[in-house]
Each structure stands twice: as structure tokens, then as C-alpha cells.
Protein backbone atom coordinates (compact mmCIF):
# COMPACT_ATOMS: atom_id res chain seq x y z
CA MET A 1 7.92 -44.46 18.76
CA ASP A 2 7.50 -41.89 15.77
CA CYS A 3 10.49 -39.18 15.52
CA THR A 4 9.07 -36.27 13.53
CA ALA A 5 12.26 -34.20 13.22
CA PRO A 6 13.17 -32.74 10.02
CA ALA A 7 15.60 -34.40 7.70
CA GLN A 8 17.95 -32.94 5.09
CA THR A 9 18.15 -35.10 2.64
CA SER A 10 17.71 -35.40 -1.42
CA PHE A 11 15.49 -37.34 -3.66
CA GLU A 12 14.38 -38.15 -7.23
CA ILE A 13 11.27 -36.90 -8.80
CA ARG A 14 10.44 -39.24 -11.86
CA ARG A 15 8.14 -39.21 -14.66
CA GLY A 16 7.72 -41.81 -17.22
CA GLY A 17 10.62 -43.49 -15.62
CA SER A 18 12.77 -40.73 -16.33
CA VAL A 19 14.41 -38.37 -13.67
CA VAL A 20 13.03 -34.85 -14.17
CA ARG A 21 14.43 -33.60 -10.62
CA ILE A 22 16.81 -34.19 -8.36
CA VAL A 23 15.76 -32.22 -4.98
CA ALA A 24 17.61 -31.47 -1.87
CA THR A 25 15.69 -30.53 1.36
CA ASP A 26 16.96 -27.44 3.48
CA ALA A 27 18.03 -27.77 7.21
CA SER A 28 14.59 -27.71 8.07
CA GLY A 29 13.65 -30.20 5.79
CA ARG A 30 11.99 -28.18 3.26
CA PHE A 31 11.59 -27.92 -0.33
CA VAL A 32 9.89 -26.11 -3.04
CA VAL A 33 10.02 -27.44 -6.91
CA ALA A 34 7.77 -26.25 -9.81
CA LEU A 35 6.48 -29.43 -11.76
CA GLU A 36 4.12 -29.43 -14.61
CA PRO A 37 0.86 -31.14 -14.05
CA GLY A 38 0.69 -34.82 -14.19
CA SER A 39 1.79 -37.78 -12.09
CA TYR A 40 5.20 -38.25 -10.85
CA VAL A 41 7.14 -40.72 -8.23
CA LEU A 42 9.39 -39.46 -5.55
CA VAL A 43 12.17 -42.03 -4.75
CA GLN A 44 15.25 -42.28 -2.97
CA GLU A 45 18.04 -44.74 -4.72
CA LYS A 46 20.27 -45.18 -1.76
CA GLY A 47 21.13 -43.84 1.77
CA LEU A 48 19.35 -42.93 5.10
CA PRO A 49 17.04 -41.71 5.90
CA SER A 50 15.07 -43.49 3.35
CA LEU A 51 11.82 -42.80 1.57
CA ASN A 52 9.66 -45.38 -0.05
CA PRO A 53 8.46 -44.56 -3.52
CA LEU A 54 5.32 -42.10 -3.12
CA THR A 55 3.41 -41.42 -6.36
CA VAL A 56 2.06 -37.59 -6.52
CA ARG A 57 -0.34 -35.72 -8.94
CA VAL A 58 0.43 -32.32 -9.73
CA ARG A 59 -2.84 -30.56 -10.92
CA PRO A 60 -3.04 -27.17 -13.02
CA GLY A 61 -2.86 -24.10 -11.40
CA SER A 62 -2.39 -25.08 -8.07
CA PHE A 63 0.30 -26.00 -5.22
CA THR A 64 0.34 -29.62 -4.30
CA THR A 65 1.62 -29.75 -0.47
CA LEU A 66 3.45 -32.82 1.03
CA ARG A 67 4.48 -34.30 4.25
CA LEU A 68 6.99 -36.97 3.30
CA MET A 69 8.04 -39.37 5.97
CA PHE A 70 11.61 -40.69 5.82
CA ASP A 71 12.78 -43.84 7.91
CA SER A 72 16.18 -43.02 9.51
CA GLY A 73 16.58 -46.96 10.44
CA ILE A 74 17.11 -45.98 13.71
CA ARG A 75 15.14 -48.35 16.11
């Protein structure tokens, strides 16, 4: 059974192997971050809930909306 509860957590945004930002979600699981156009990888190094690495492309002059799925480890 899937759980769709919001998660308050943090993760890294990387570009070219370097950490660009560390992002923390709010209590409702939301976040906003301004990034230059290009490709980024969202990763979480440790802890729960966990996030599988995700490649995201930010296009010039527009917003990119994401729905991130974290694994709580609870089965």
C-alpha cells in the first residue's frame, strides 16, 4: 500500500558532482529553490525517508514542478 503523506526532510541538489544547494522541505513537504538552467541530480545521502537519485532538467524562463517520492522504510 502506498503512503502519500507529506515528508519533512532534506536533500542535496548537485550539478557536475558538486553540491549546489541543500534543500529542506517544510512541514507540508514543499520546497522552492531558484536554480540556473541545466541538469541537476537530487540525492539524499543518509537517513529516512530516503530518496533515490533523480535527474532533473531546469529550462530557461520557466518553473519545473516535481513530485518527489521518498521511502520511509516502513513495510
